[in-house]
């Protein structure tokens, strides 16, 4: 299959997987703390990847491990906890929409730290995306006083981490097999995530029925939504550009929104406008 066709197929599959991750986080939080969920997500993904990809680690050279560690930190470790904490206060559909700022942040970080160049339409895209985000957050705070929309800032920080991850991977890990990168990431993260999980008190509540039900969602989130999705994502980065790879966030909110509707989440008309403005900004930032 031609790389041009393959990259669109991977983009679509990734949007379906990651678009479903937000509702899995929401369901997984029932009976668990965000720290426990984030740790379990990493542990399940790590065990799965070591099972299927341990042999692929031998191709990682010594000097590449620092970039493996950095992409693990920015691409998985920090966002796994930030998204879980954020969704204790804001809806999963809102979280997914704010995550669509990732291409804008990829562009800004690429320009500031990795030598990419801005075009005029991309600058407009960044500004428009920020306006849409402000509208989405402020209107959400007004219409949902029971939710703390300051937590939306955690999603924005997570999107900046994703942007750092994709730029690092494109610049320093492009020639490496996606399975090796992903397995290396989780080998680095498995020990700290396990220690955090142990210290979180999880093993004192593991027998609670609600916790056992949540574990099923987190297993799916860890293996498919994190492990397999990361393999696909690193392959997509290699086949395309950082901005194209992160444009998966165009489609993620659509999938997440329909899952949210099934779970009785509703956006206000103004929030729809804010979401649309964000997507316009992302489109302009990615346009050649």
Protein backbone atom coordinates (compact mmCIF):
# COMPACT_ATOMS: atom_id res chain seq x y z
CA UNK A 1 0.00 0.00 0.00
CA UNK A 2 1.26 3.50 -0.86
CA UNK A 3 2.34 5.63 2.09
CA UNK A 4 -0.13 8.35 1.03
CA UNK A 5 -3.07 5.96 1.40
CA UNK A 6 -1.67 4.30 4.51
CA UNK A 7 -1.26 7.56 6.40
CA UNK A 8 -4.96 8.38 5.93
CA UNK A 9 -6.00 4.90 7.07
CA UNK A 10 -3.79 5.19 10.16
CA UNK A 11 -5.18 8.68 10.85
CA UNK A 12 -8.76 7.35 10.75
CA UNK A 13 -8.03 4.32 12.95
CA UNK A 14 -6.18 6.49 15.45
CA UNK A 15 -9.05 8.99 15.64
CA UNK A 16 -11.49 6.18 16.45
CA UNK A 17 -9.21 4.77 19.16
CA UNK A 18 -8.24 8.06 20.80
CA UNK A 19 -11.73 9.52 20.36
CA UNK A 20 -13.02 6.65 22.49
CA UNK A 21 -10.33 7.13 25.15
CA UNK A 22 -12.07 10.08 26.82
CA UNK A 23 -15.21 8.14 27.70
CA UNK A 24 -13.03 5.24 28.91
CA UNK A 25 -11.23 7.67 31.24
CA UNK A 26 -14.59 8.92 32.52
CA UNK A 27 -15.84 5.37 33.20
CA UNK A 28 -12.50 4.30 34.65
CA UNK A 29 -12.59 7.09 37.24
CA UNK A 30 -15.57 5.51 38.99
CA UNK A 31 -14.15 4.24 42.27
CA UNK A 32 -10.58 5.28 41.42
CA UNK A 33 -8.52 8.44 41.84
CA UNK A 34 -6.97 10.13 38.77
CA UNK A 35 -3.51 9.10 39.98
CA UNK A 36 -4.58 5.46 40.21
CA UNK A 37 -6.17 5.57 36.76
CA UNK A 38 -3.14 7.21 35.14
CA UNK A 39 -0.79 4.68 36.74
CA UNK A 40 -2.93 1.67 35.79
CA UNK A 41 -3.20 2.93 32.22
CA UNK A 42 0.60 3.03 31.92
CA UNK A 43 1.11 -0.30 33.71
CA UNK A 44 -1.38 -2.20 31.52
CA UNK A 45 0.06 -0.67 28.35
CA UNK A 46 3.62 -1.37 29.51
CA UNK A 47 3.01 -5.03 30.30
CA UNK A 48 1.26 -5.56 26.97
CA UNK A 49 4.04 -3.88 24.99
CA UNK A 50 6.83 -5.76 26.76
CA UNK A 51 4.98 -8.97 25.97
CA UNK A 52 4.82 -8.25 22.22
CA UNK A 53 7.83 -5.99 21.70
CA UNK A 54 10.61 -6.87 24.13
CA UNK A 55 12.87 -8.21 21.37
CA UNK A 56 12.55 -4.94 19.45
CA UNK A 57 14.39 -3.06 22.23
CA UNK A 58 17.76 -4.38 21.08
CA UNK A 59 17.83 -2.00 18.09
CA UNK A 60 17.73 1.07 20.37
CA UNK A 61 21.24 2.49 20.67
CA UNK A 62 22.56 3.95 23.91
CA UNK A 63 22.38 7.60 22.78
CA UNK A 64 18.76 7.17 21.64
CA UNK A 65 17.52 6.20 25.09
CA UNK A 66 17.49 9.82 26.25
CA UNK A 67 15.04 10.67 23.47
CA UNK A 68 13.02 7.55 24.27
CA UNK A 69 12.81 8.78 27.87
CA UNK A 70 11.82 12.31 26.82
CA UNK A 71 9.09 11.12 24.44
CA UNK A 72 7.85 8.79 27.19
CA UNK A 73 7.64 11.70 29.63
CA UNK A 74 5.91 14.16 27.30
CA UNK A 75 3.94 11.74 25.15
CA UNK A 76 2.49 9.48 27.84
CA UNK A 77 3.50 9.99 31.47
CA UNK A 78 2.45 13.60 32.09
CA UNK A 79 -0.69 13.57 29.86
CA UNK A 80 -1.97 10.28 31.37
CA UNK A 81 -2.30 11.96 34.76
CA UNK A 82 -3.37 15.40 33.52
CA UNK A 83 -6.30 14.07 31.47
CA UNK A 84 -7.48 11.89 34.35
CA UNK A 85 -7.34 14.80 36.82
CA UNK A 86 -9.05 17.17 34.35
CA UNK A 87 -11.95 14.81 33.74
CA UNK A 88 -12.88 14.80 37.40
CA UNK A 89 -14.21 18.31 36.74
CA UNK A 90 -14.96 18.73 33.01
CA UNK A 91 -16.86 16.61 30.49
CA UNK A 92 -15.03 14.12 28.29
CA UNK A 93 -16.29 15.84 25.11
CA UNK A 94 -14.89 19.23 26.24
CA UNK A 95 -11.59 17.56 27.10
CA UNK A 96 -11.34 16.06 23.61
CA UNK A 97 -12.09 19.40 21.93
CA UNK A 98 -9.35 21.18 23.90
CA UNK A 99 -6.98 18.36 22.97
CA UNK A 100 -7.40 19.49 19.35
CA UNK A 101 -5.05 22.37 20.19
CA UNK A 102 -2.20 19.88 19.80
CA UNK A 103 -1.43 20.75 16.13
CA UNK A 104 -1.29 24.45 17.02
CA UNK A 105 1.10 23.74 19.86
CA UNK A 106 3.11 21.44 17.59
CA UNK A 107 3.52 24.32 15.17
CA UNK A 108 4.49 26.86 17.84
CA UNK A 109 6.98 24.53 19.55
CA UNK A 110 8.32 23.42 16.18
CA UNK A 111 9.04 27.03 15.31
CA UNK A 112 10.48 28.04 18.67
CA UNK A 113 12.54 24.95 19.48
CA UNK A 114 12.95 22.85 16.34
CA UNK A 115 13.61 25.33 13.54
CA UNK A 116 10.26 25.16 11.71
CA UNK A 117 9.00 28.35 10.04
CA UNK A 118 5.67 30.09 10.50
CA UNK A 119 3.50 31.23 7.59
CA UNK A 120 0.99 34.06 7.94
CA UNK A 121 -2.05 31.78 7.78
CA UNK A 122 -0.52 29.60 10.50
CA UNK A 123 -0.12 32.59 12.82
CA UNK A 124 -3.79 33.42 12.23
CA UNK A 125 -4.61 29.78 12.95
CA UNK A 126 -2.87 29.91 16.33
CA UNK A 127 -4.70 33.11 17.31
CA UNK A 128 -8.09 31.78 16.15
CA UNK A 129 -7.53 28.50 18.00
CA UNK A 130 -6.77 30.35 21.23
CA UNK A 131 -9.94 32.46 20.83
CA UNK A 132 -12.01 29.32 20.35
CA UNK A 133 -10.47 27.71 23.43
CA UNK A 134 -11.21 30.77 25.55
CA UNK A 135 -14.81 30.80 24.33
CA UNK A 136 -15.26 27.09 25.03
CA UNK A 137 -13.81 27.35 28.54
CA UNK A 138 -15.51 30.60 29.61
CA UNK A 139 -18.93 29.56 28.36
CA UNK A 140 -18.56 26.15 29.93
CA UNK A 141 -17.70 27.76 33.27
CA UNK A 142 -20.77 30.01 33.05
CA UNK A 143 -23.22 27.25 32.12
CA UNK A 144 -21.76 24.50 34.32
CA UNK A 145 -21.07 26.16 37.69
CA UNK A 146 -20.84 22.69 39.24
CA UNK A 147 -17.71 22.03 37.13
CA UNK A 148 -14.35 23.68 37.76
CA UNK A 149 -13.17 24.86 34.35
CA UNK A 150 -9.74 25.80 35.65
CA UNK A 151 -9.10 22.09 35.17
CA UNK A 152 -9.39 22.70 31.41
CA UNK A 153 -5.92 24.25 31.65
CA UNK A 154 -4.58 20.77 32.47
CA UNK A 155 -5.80 19.52 29.08
CA UNK A 156 -4.08 22.45 27.36
CA UNK A 157 -0.84 21.62 29.19
CA UNK A 158 -1.23 17.99 28.09
CA UNK A 159 -1.65 19.12 24.47
CA UNK A 160 1.63 21.07 24.79
CA UNK A 161 3.28 17.88 26.06
CA UNK A 162 1.94 15.97 23.04
CA UNK A 163 3.34 18.69 20.78
CA UNK A 164 6.77 18.36 22.36
CA UNK A 165 6.59 14.59 21.97
CA UNK A 166 5.79 14.64 18.25
CA UNK A 167 8.52 17.16 17.45
CA UNK A 168 11.10 15.15 19.41
CA UNK A 169 10.04 11.90 17.73
CA UNK A 170 10.15 13.39 14.24
CA UNK A 171 13.58 14.94 14.74
CA UNK A 172 15.39 12.25 16.72
CA UNK A 173 13.56 8.91 16.29
CA UNK A 174 12.34 8.93 12.69
CA UNK A 175 14.45 5.98 11.56
CA UNK A 176 13.40 3.67 14.38
CA UNK A 177 10.64 1.04 14.26
CA UNK A 178 7.43 2.32 15.92
CA UNK A 179 7.18 -0.83 18.06
CA UNK A 180 10.71 -0.23 19.41
CA UNK A 181 9.94 3.39 20.29
CA UNK A 182 6.67 2.54 22.01
CA UNK A 183 8.04 -0.45 23.92
CA UNK A 184 11.06 1.62 24.98
CA UNK A 185 8.75 4.39 26.20
CA UNK A 186 6.82 2.06 28.45
CA UNK A 187 9.87 0.20 29.71
CA UNK A 188 11.06 3.59 31.00
CA UNK A 189 7.66 4.36 32.56
CA UNK A 190 6.73 0.99 34.04
CA UNK A 191 8.73 1.30 37.27
CA UNK A 192 7.73 4.87 38.23
CA UNK A 193 4.07 4.21 37.35
CA UNK A 194 4.11 1.00 39.43
CA UNK A 195 5.61 2.81 42.42
CA UNK A 196 3.03 5.59 42.18
CA UNK A 197 0.25 2.99 41.94
CA UNK A 198 1.55 1.15 45.02
CA UNK A 199 1.75 4.37 47.03
CA UNK A 200 -1.74 5.48 45.91
CA UNK A 201 -3.54 2.90 48.07
CA UNK A 202 -4.95 1.04 45.07
CA UNK A 203 -4.28 -2.42 46.51
CA UNK A 204 -6.46 -1.57 49.52
CA UNK A 205 -9.54 -1.06 47.33
CA UNK A 206 -8.97 -3.63 44.57
CA UNK A 207 -11.71 -5.92 45.97
CA UNK A 208 -14.41 -3.21 45.68
CA UNK A 209 -16.91 -4.20 42.91
CA UNK A 210 -16.98 -0.68 41.37
CA UNK A 211 -13.18 -0.71 41.14
CA UNK A 212 -13.16 -4.10 39.44
CA UNK A 213 -15.62 -2.83 36.84
CA UNK A 214 -13.49 0.27 36.25
CA UNK A 215 -10.44 -1.95 35.70
CA UNK A 216 -12.07 -3.40 32.58
CA UNK A 217 -12.31 0.07 31.03
CA UNK A 218 -8.72 0.84 32.00
CA UNK A 219 -7.41 -2.41 30.51
CA UNK A 220 -8.99 -1.39 27.19
CA UNK A 221 -7.66 2.15 27.62
CA UNK A 222 -4.16 0.90 28.41
CA UNK A 223 -3.75 -1.82 25.79
CA UNK A 224 -5.68 -0.34 22.85
CA UNK A 225 -6.02 3.36 23.67
CA UNK A 226 -2.40 3.74 24.79
CA UNK A 227 -0.17 0.84 23.70
CA UNK A 228 -1.51 0.04 20.23
CA UNK A 229 -2.43 3.69 19.58
CA UNK A 230 1.13 4.84 20.28
CA UNK A 231 2.55 2.30 17.83
CA UNK A 232 0.18 3.61 15.15
CA UNK A 233 1.00 7.22 16.03
CA UNK A 234 4.77 6.81 15.75
CA UNK A 235 4.26 5.09 12.39
CA UNK A 236 2.11 8.02 11.29
CA UNK A 237 4.79 10.52 12.32
CA UNK A 238 7.32 8.65 10.17
CA UNK A 239 4.99 8.61 7.14
CA UNK A 240 4.00 12.28 7.38
CA UNK A 241 4.82 15.58 9.09
CA UNK A 242 4.38 16.43 12.80
CA UNK A 243 1.46 18.75 12.02
CA UNK A 244 -0.29 16.12 9.85
CA UNK A 245 0.19 13.44 12.52
CA UNK A 246 -1.33 15.66 15.20
CA UNK A 247 -4.22 16.60 12.89
CA UNK A 248 -5.79 13.39 14.17
CA UNK A 249 -7.19 15.78 16.77
CA UNK A 250 -9.53 17.18 14.06
CA UNK A 251 -11.43 13.90 14.20
CA UNK A 252 -11.05 12.89 17.85
CA UNK A 253 -13.68 15.40 19.15
CA UNK A 254 -16.27 14.03 16.69
CA UNK A 255 -15.85 10.49 18.02
CA UNK A 256 -15.67 11.69 21.63
CA UNK A 257 -18.74 13.91 21.20
CA UNK A 258 -20.92 10.98 20.10
CA UNK A 259 -19.69 8.89 23.03
CA UNK A 260 -20.51 11.87 25.27
CA UNK A 261 -24.04 12.10 23.86
CA UNK A 262 -24.59 8.44 24.70
CA UNK A 263 -23.48 9.26 28.25
CA UNK A 264 -25.82 12.28 28.54
CA UNK A 265 -23.18 15.00 28.00
CA UNK A 266 -24.42 18.12 26.21
CA UNK A 267 -22.54 21.11 24.79
CA UNK A 268 -24.14 24.55 24.79
CA UNK A 269 -24.62 26.33 21.42
CA UNK A 270 -21.80 28.74 22.32
CA UNK A 271 -19.51 25.81 23.09
CA UNK A 272 -20.29 24.38 19.65
CA UNK A 273 -19.20 27.72 18.20
CA UNK A 274 -16.01 27.62 20.28
CA UNK A 275 -15.28 24.08 19.10
CA UNK A 276 -15.83 25.09 15.48
CA UNK A 277 -13.51 28.09 15.88
CA UNK A 278 -10.80 25.84 17.33
CA UNK A 279 -11.05 23.49 14.35
CA UNK A 280 -10.80 26.44 11.93
CA UNK A 281 -7.64 27.54 13.73
CA UNK A 282 -6.19 24.04 13.55
CA UNK A 283 -7.04 23.80 9.84
CA UNK A 284 -5.32 27.11 9.08
CA UNK A 285 -2.25 26.12 11.09
CA UNK A 286 -1.89 22.86 9.12
CA UNK A 287 -2.64 24.36 5.69
CA UNK A 288 0.34 24.51 3.36
